Amino acid sequence: MNQTECTGESTSERIEFENDNQPDLLILVQNLIAEASDIPRLLEAYYWSEEPGLLELVRAFLALPADAQTAVRAFFAAAVMRSSITASIDTSGALTLRAPEAAAVLVNLFGGRQSDSPH
């Protein structure tokens, strides 16, 4: 049996397509490209999908509760200088993200509420 194998670098997942399915897959890809309203954006999405660990990170983010997604989005929107972001994980599993310039924006956004974190 002839098979084409696609293996992701960052995972041990293996997807196999039978040769009989290749024409359907080819048609699907051709249709995606033909129907794309923004080809550069489609290529960028493909490029980012090849970044090791990114799809797993996106899937994990999308699985977060809505309030956690809102907090993460607000943090990154407020952290204008991305190179100033630091991250640490303590032994209890708490993830702490810090960005000095984000503090004022986040205090205004969340009305000075304190998080559950002791940090």
N, C-alpha and C. Protein backbone atom coordinates (compact mmCIF):
# COMPACT_ATOMS: atom_id res chain seq x y z
N MET A 1 0.85 -1.18 0.00
CA MET A 1 0.00 0.00 0.00
C MET A 1 0.89 1.24 0.00
N ASN A 2 0.71 2.12 -0.96
CA ASN A 2 1.47 3.36 -1.04
C ASN A 2 0.83 4.41 -0.16
N GLN A 3 1.66 5.12 0.59
CA GLN A 3 1.15 6.16 1.47
C GLN A 3 2.07 7.36 1.42
N THR A 4 1.50 8.53 1.60
CA THR A 4 2.29 9.74 1.79
C THR A 4 2.17 10.07 3.26
N GLU A 5 3.29 10.38 3.87
CA GLU A 5 3.31 10.60 5.32
C GLU A 5 3.64 12.06 5.61
N CYS A 6 2.89 12.66 6.52
CA CYS A 6 3.15 14.01 6.96
C CYS A 6 3.45 13.94 8.44
N THR A 7 4.60 14.41 8.86
CA THR A 7 4.98 14.35 10.26
C THR A 7 5.27 15.75 10.75
N GLY A 8 4.63 16.17 11.86
CA GLY A 8 4.91 17.46 12.47
C GLY A 8 6.20 17.38 13.25
N GLU A 9 7.04 18.43 13.14
CA GLU A 9 8.32 18.43 13.84
C GLU A 9 8.15 18.49 15.35
N SER A 10 7.16 19.24 15.84
CA SER A 10 7.05 19.47 17.27
C SER A 10 6.19 18.43 17.97
N THR A 11 5.57 17.53 17.25
CA THR A 11 4.75 16.50 17.88
C THR A 11 5.10 15.16 17.29
N SER A 12 4.65 14.13 17.97
CA SER A 12 4.89 12.80 17.44
C SER A 12 3.71 12.32 16.61
N GLU A 13 2.77 13.24 16.35
CA GLU A 13 1.60 12.88 15.55
C GLU A 13 2.04 12.55 14.13
N ARG A 14 1.39 11.58 13.56
CA ARG A 14 1.67 11.20 12.18
C ARG A 14 0.35 11.06 11.46
N ILE A 15 0.24 11.73 10.35
CA ILE A 15 -0.98 11.66 9.56
C ILE A 15 -0.63 10.96 8.26
N GLU A 16 -1.38 9.94 7.93
CA GLU A 16 -1.13 9.21 6.69
C GLU A 16 -2.31 9.38 5.76
N PHE A 17 -2.02 9.61 4.51
CA PHE A 17 -3.04 9.74 3.49
C PHE A 17 -2.85 8.62 2.49
N GLU A 18 -3.92 7.92 2.21
CA GLU A 18 -3.88 6.91 1.16
C GLU A 18 -3.72 7.63 -0.18
N ASN A 19 -3.06 7.00 -1.13
CA ASN A 19 -2.91 7.60 -2.46
C ASN A 19 -4.27 7.94 -3.06
N ASP A 20 -5.28 7.13 -2.75
CA ASP A 20 -6.61 7.39 -3.28
C ASP A 20 -7.16 8.72 -2.77
N ASN A 21 -6.74 9.15 -1.58
CA ASN A 21 -7.24 10.40 -1.01
C ASN A 21 -6.47 11.62 -1.47
N GLN A 22 -5.31 11.43 -2.08
CA GLN A 22 -4.50 12.56 -2.50
C GLN A 22 -5.21 13.47 -3.48
N PRO A 23 -5.93 12.96 -4.46
CA PRO A 23 -6.65 13.89 -5.35
C PRO A 23 -7.64 14.76 -4.58
N ASP A 24 -8.35 14.19 -3.61
CA ASP A 24 -9.29 14.97 -2.80
C ASP A 24 -8.56 16.03 -1.99
N LEU A 25 -7.42 15.66 -1.42
CA LEU A 25 -6.63 16.60 -0.64
C LEU A 25 -6.09 17.71 -1.54
N LEU A 26 -5.63 17.35 -2.73
CA LEU A 26 -5.13 18.33 -3.68
C LEU A 26 -6.24 19.30 -4.08
N ILE A 27 -7.42 18.78 -4.34
CA ILE A 27 -8.56 19.63 -4.70
C ILE A 27 -8.92 20.56 -3.54
N LEU A 28 -8.89 20.04 -2.32
CA LEU A 28 -9.18 20.85 -1.14
C LEU A 28 -8.19 22.01 -1.03
N VAL A 29 -6.91 21.73 -1.18
CA VAL A 29 -5.89 22.78 -1.10
C VAL A 29 -6.06 23.78 -2.24
N GLN A 30 -6.32 23.31 -3.44
CA GLN A 30 -6.54 24.21 -4.57
C GLN A 30 -7.76 25.11 -4.32
N ASN A 31 -8.83 24.54 -3.76
CA ASN A 31 -10.02 25.33 -3.46
C ASN A 31 -9.74 26.37 -2.38
N LEU A 32 -8.96 25.99 -1.35
CA LEU A 32 -8.61 26.95 -0.30
C LEU A 32 -7.86 28.14 -0.89
N ILE A 33 -6.92 27.85 -1.77
CA ILE A 33 -6.14 28.92 -2.38
C ILE A 33 -7.02 29.76 -3.31
N ALA A 34 -7.84 29.10 -4.12
CA ALA A 34 -8.69 29.81 -5.07
C ALA A 34 -9.72 30.70 -4.37
N GLU A 35 -10.22 30.25 -3.23
CA GLU A 35 -11.27 31.00 -2.53
C GLU A 35 -10.74 31.98 -1.51
N ALA A 36 -9.44 31.97 -1.27
CA ALA A 36 -8.85 32.87 -0.29
C ALA A 36 -8.95 34.31 -0.79
N SER A 37 -9.45 35.18 0.05
CA SER A 37 -9.56 36.58 -0.34
C SER A 37 -8.25 37.33 -0.11
N ASP A 38 -7.36 36.74 0.68
CA ASP A 38 -6.10 37.39 1.01
C ASP A 38 -4.99 36.35 0.98
N ILE A 39 -4.41 36.13 -0.19
CA ILE A 39 -3.37 35.10 -0.39
C ILE A 39 -2.17 35.32 0.55
N PRO A 40 -1.67 36.56 0.69
CA PRO A 40 -0.54 36.74 1.62
C PRO A 40 -0.87 36.30 3.05
N ARG A 41 -2.11 36.55 3.47
CA ARG A 41 -2.51 36.13 4.82
C ARG A 41 -2.56 34.60 4.91
N LEU A 42 -3.03 33.95 3.87
CA LEU A 42 -3.05 32.49 3.83
C LEU A 42 -1.63 31.93 3.92
N LEU A 43 -0.71 32.53 3.18
CA LEU A 43 0.68 32.09 3.23
C LEU A 43 1.29 32.35 4.60
N GLU A 44 0.93 33.47 5.21
CA GLU A 44 1.43 33.76 6.56
C GLU A 44 0.91 32.73 7.56
N ALA A 45 -0.36 32.36 7.44
CA ALA A 45 -0.93 31.34 8.33
C ALA A 45 -0.18 30.02 8.16
N TYR A 46 0.13 29.67 6.93
CA TYR A 46 0.90 28.45 6.70
C TYR A 46 2.29 28.57 7.33
N TYR A 47 2.93 29.71 7.11
CA TYR A 47 4.26 29.94 7.67
C TYR A 47 4.23 29.77 9.19
N TRP A 48 3.27 30.42 9.86
CA TRP A 48 3.19 30.34 11.32
C TRP A 48 2.84 28.93 11.78
N SER A 49 2.09 28.19 10.98
CA SER A 49 1.72 26.83 11.39
C SER A 49 2.94 25.91 11.43
N GLU A 50 4.00 26.30 10.74
CA GLU A 50 5.24 25.51 10.73
C GLU A 50 6.14 25.83 11.92
N GLU A 51 5.82 26.87 12.68
CA GLU A 51 6.63 27.25 13.84
C GLU A 51 6.45 26.21 14.94
N PRO A 52 7.53 25.58 15.40
CA PRO A 52 7.40 24.52 16.40
C PRO A 52 6.67 24.98 17.67
N GLY A 53 5.64 24.24 18.04
CA GLY A 53 4.90 24.51 19.26
C GLY A 53 3.79 25.53 19.15
N LEU A 54 3.73 26.27 18.04
CA LEU A 54 2.74 27.35 17.95
C LEU A 54 1.31 26.82 17.91
N LEU A 55 1.05 25.79 17.11
CA LEU A 55 -0.32 25.27 17.03
C LEU A 55 -0.78 24.73 18.39
N GLU A 56 0.12 24.09 19.12
CA GLU A 56 -0.24 23.59 20.45
C GLU A 56 -0.56 24.76 21.39
N LEU A 57 0.21 25.84 21.27
CA LEU A 57 -0.04 27.03 22.09
C LEU A 57 -1.40 27.64 21.74
N VAL A 58 -1.70 27.75 20.47
CA VAL A 58 -2.99 28.31 20.04
C VAL A 58 -4.14 27.43 20.53
N ARG A 59 -3.99 26.11 20.38
CA ARG A 59 -5.04 25.20 20.85
C ARG A 59 -5.25 25.33 22.35
N ALA A 60 -4.16 25.44 23.10
CA ALA A 60 -4.26 25.59 24.56
C ALA A 60 -4.94 26.90 24.91
N PHE A 61 -4.58 27.98 24.21
CA PHE A 61 -5.21 29.28 24.46
C PHE A 61 -6.71 29.21 24.18
N LEU A 62 -7.09 28.59 23.07
CA LEU A 62 -8.51 28.50 22.72
C LEU A 62 -9.30 27.63 23.69
N ALA A 63 -8.62 26.74 24.40
CA ALA A 63 -9.28 25.89 25.39
C ALA A 63 -9.45 26.59 26.73
N LEU A 64 -8.80 27.75 26.91
CA LEU A 64 -8.92 28.49 28.17
C LEU A 64 -10.34 29.03 28.34
N PRO A 65 -10.78 29.20 29.58
CA PRO A 65 -12.07 29.87 29.81
C PRO A 65 -12.01 31.30 29.27
N ALA A 66 -13.17 31.85 28.95
CA ALA A 66 -13.25 33.18 28.33
C ALA A 66 -12.56 34.24 29.17
N ASP A 67 -12.71 34.21 30.50
CA ASP A 67 -12.09 35.25 31.32
C ASP A 67 -10.56 35.16 31.29
N ALA A 68 -10.02 33.95 31.20
CA ALA A 68 -8.56 33.78 31.09
C ALA A 68 -8.08 34.28 29.73
N GLN A 69 -8.82 34.00 28.66
CA GLN A 69 -8.46 34.52 27.34
C GLN A 69 -8.47 36.05 27.34
N THR A 70 -9.47 36.63 27.98
CA THR A 70 -9.57 38.09 28.05
C THR A 70 -8.37 38.67 28.77
N ALA A 71 -7.99 38.06 29.87
CA ALA A 71 -6.84 38.55 30.64
C ALA A 71 -5.55 38.46 29.83
N VAL A 72 -5.35 37.35 29.13
CA VAL A 72 -4.13 37.18 28.32
C VAL A 72 -4.12 38.19 27.17
N ARG A 73 -5.25 38.36 26.51
CA ARG A 73 -5.33 39.34 25.41
C ARG A 73 -5.06 40.75 25.92
N ALA A 74 -5.66 41.10 27.06
CA ALA A 74 -5.45 42.44 27.63
C ALA A 74 -3.99 42.65 27.98
N PHE A 75 -3.36 41.64 28.55
CA PHE A 75 -1.95 41.75 28.89
C PHE A 75 -1.11 42.03 27.66
N PHE A 76 -1.28 41.23 26.61
CA PHE A 76 -0.46 41.42 25.41
C PHE A 76 -0.79 42.71 24.68
N ALA A 77 -2.04 43.15 24.75
CA ALA A 77 -2.39 44.43 24.14
C ALA A 77 -1.73 45.58 24.90
N ALA A 78 -1.64 45.46 26.22
CA ALA A 78 -1.05 46.51 27.05
C ALA A 78 0.47 46.47 27.01
N ALA A 79 1.05 45.33 26.75
CA ALA A 79 2.51 45.17 26.73
C ALA A 79 3.04 45.57 25.36
N VAL A 80 3.15 46.86 25.15
CA VAL A 80 3.55 47.38 23.85
C VAL A 80 4.97 46.96 23.49
N MET A 81 5.86 47.00 24.45
CA MET A 81 7.25 46.61 24.22
C MET A 81 7.38 45.12 24.52
N ARG A 82 7.12 44.30 23.52
CA ARG A 82 7.09 42.84 23.72
C ARG A 82 8.41 42.31 24.27
N SER A 83 9.51 42.96 23.96
CA SER A 83 10.80 42.48 24.45
C SER A 83 10.95 42.69 25.96
N SER A 84 10.08 43.49 26.57
CA SER A 84 10.16 43.72 28.01
C SER A 84 9.39 42.67 28.81
N ILE A 85 8.66 41.79 28.13
CA ILE A 85 7.85 40.78 28.82
C ILE A 85 8.76 39.72 29.42
N THR A 86 8.48 39.41 30.68
CA THR A 86 9.16 38.29 31.33
C THR A 86 8.10 37.30 31.79
N ALA A 87 8.48 36.05 31.88
CA ALA A 87 7.55 35.01 32.32
C ALA A 87 8.28 34.10 33.29
N SER A 88 7.55 33.64 34.30
CA SER A 88 8.12 32.67 35.24
C SER A 88 7.00 31.77 35.73
N ILE A 89 7.39 30.57 36.12
CA ILE A 89 6.45 29.60 36.68
C ILE A 89 7.00 29.18 38.03
N ASP A 90 6.15 29.22 39.06
CA ASP A 90 6.62 28.80 40.37
C ASP A 90 6.25 27.34 40.62
N THR A 91 6.64 26.82 41.77
CA THR A 91 6.45 25.40 42.06
C THR A 91 4.98 25.02 42.23
N SER A 92 4.11 26.01 42.45
CA SER A 92 2.68 25.70 42.56
C SER A 92 2.01 25.65 41.19
N GLY A 93 2.78 25.99 40.15
CA GLY A 93 2.23 25.97 38.80
C GLY A 93 1.70 27.32 38.34
N ALA A 94 1.89 28.36 39.16
CA ALA A 94 1.40 29.69 38.79
C ALA A 94 2.33 30.30 37.74
N LEU A 95 1.75 30.76 36.67
CA LEU A 95 2.48 31.45 35.61
C LEU A 95 2.36 32.95 35.85
N THR A 96 3.47 33.64 35.88
CA THR A 96 3.47 35.09 36.06
C THR A 96 4.06 35.74 34.82
N LEU A 97 3.29 36.63 34.21
CA LEU A 97 3.76 37.42 33.08
C LEU A 97 3.90 38.85 33.57
N ARG A 98 5.02 39.49 33.22
CA ARG A 98 5.25 40.87 33.64
C ARG A 98 5.71 41.69 32.43
N ALA A 99 5.21 42.92 32.39
CA ALA A 99 5.64 43.92 31.41
C ALA A 99 5.49 45.27 32.10
N PRO A 100 6.60 45.94 32.39
CA PRO A 100 6.54 47.18 33.17
C PRO A 100 5.55 48.21 32.63
N GLU A 101 5.53 48.43 31.32
CA GLU A 101 4.66 49.47 30.77
C GLU A 101 3.19 49.06 30.75
N ALA A 102 2.90 47.79 30.96
CA ALA A 102 1.52 47.31 30.91
C ALA A 102 0.77 47.60 32.21
N ALA A 103 1.49 47.81 33.30
CA ALA A 103 0.84 47.95 34.61
C ALA A 103 -0.22 49.05 34.63
N ALA A 104 0.12 50.24 34.16
CA ALA A 104 -0.83 51.36 34.21
C ALA A 104 -2.06 51.09 33.36
N VAL A 105 -1.85 50.54 32.18
CA VAL A 105 -2.98 50.24 31.29
C VAL A 105 -3.90 49.21 31.93
N LEU A 106 -3.31 48.16 32.51
CA LEU A 106 -4.11 47.09 33.09
C LEU A 106 -4.85 47.56 34.34
N VAL A 107 -4.23 48.43 35.15
CA VAL A 107 -4.91 48.97 36.33
C VAL A 107 -6.14 49.75 35.89
N ASN A 108 -5.99 50.56 34.84
CA ASN A 108 -7.14 51.32 34.32
C ASN A 108 -8.20 50.39 33.74
N LEU A 109 -7.77 49.36 33.02
CA LEU A 109 -8.70 48.44 32.38
C LEU A 109 -9.48 47.62 33.39
N PHE A 110 -8.78 47.11 34.40
CA PHE A 110 -9.43 46.24 35.37
C PHE A 110 -9.82 46.96 36.65
N GLY A 111 -9.72 48.27 36.68
CA GLY A 111 -10.19 49.06 37.82
C GLY A 111 -9.46 48.80 39.11
N GLY A 112 -8.20 48.42 39.04
CA GLY A 112 -7.41 48.23 40.24
C GLY A 112 -7.67 46.93 40.98
N ARG A 113 -8.47 46.03 40.39
CA ARG A 113 -8.72 44.74 41.03
C ARG A 113 -7.41 43.98 41.15
N GLN A 114 -7.24 43.31 42.24
CA GLN A 114 -6.05 42.48 42.42
C GLN A 114 -6.34 41.09 41.91
N SER A 115 -5.33 40.44 41.36
CA SER A 115 -5.50 39.07 40.90
C SER A 115 -5.43 38.13 42.09
N ASP A 116 -5.75 36.86 41.86
CA ASP A 116 -5.68 35.85 42.90
C ASP A 116 -4.25 35.48 43.22
N SER A 117 -3.32 35.89 42.39
CA SER A 117 -1.92 35.53 42.55
C SER A 117 -1.28 36.35 43.67
N PRO A 118 -0.42 35.73 44.48
CA PRO A 118 0.25 36.48 45.55
C PRO A 118 1.37 37.37 45.03
N HIS A 119 1.68 37.35 43.71
CA HIS A 119 2.81 38.11 43.14
C HIS A 119 2.45 39.54 42.92
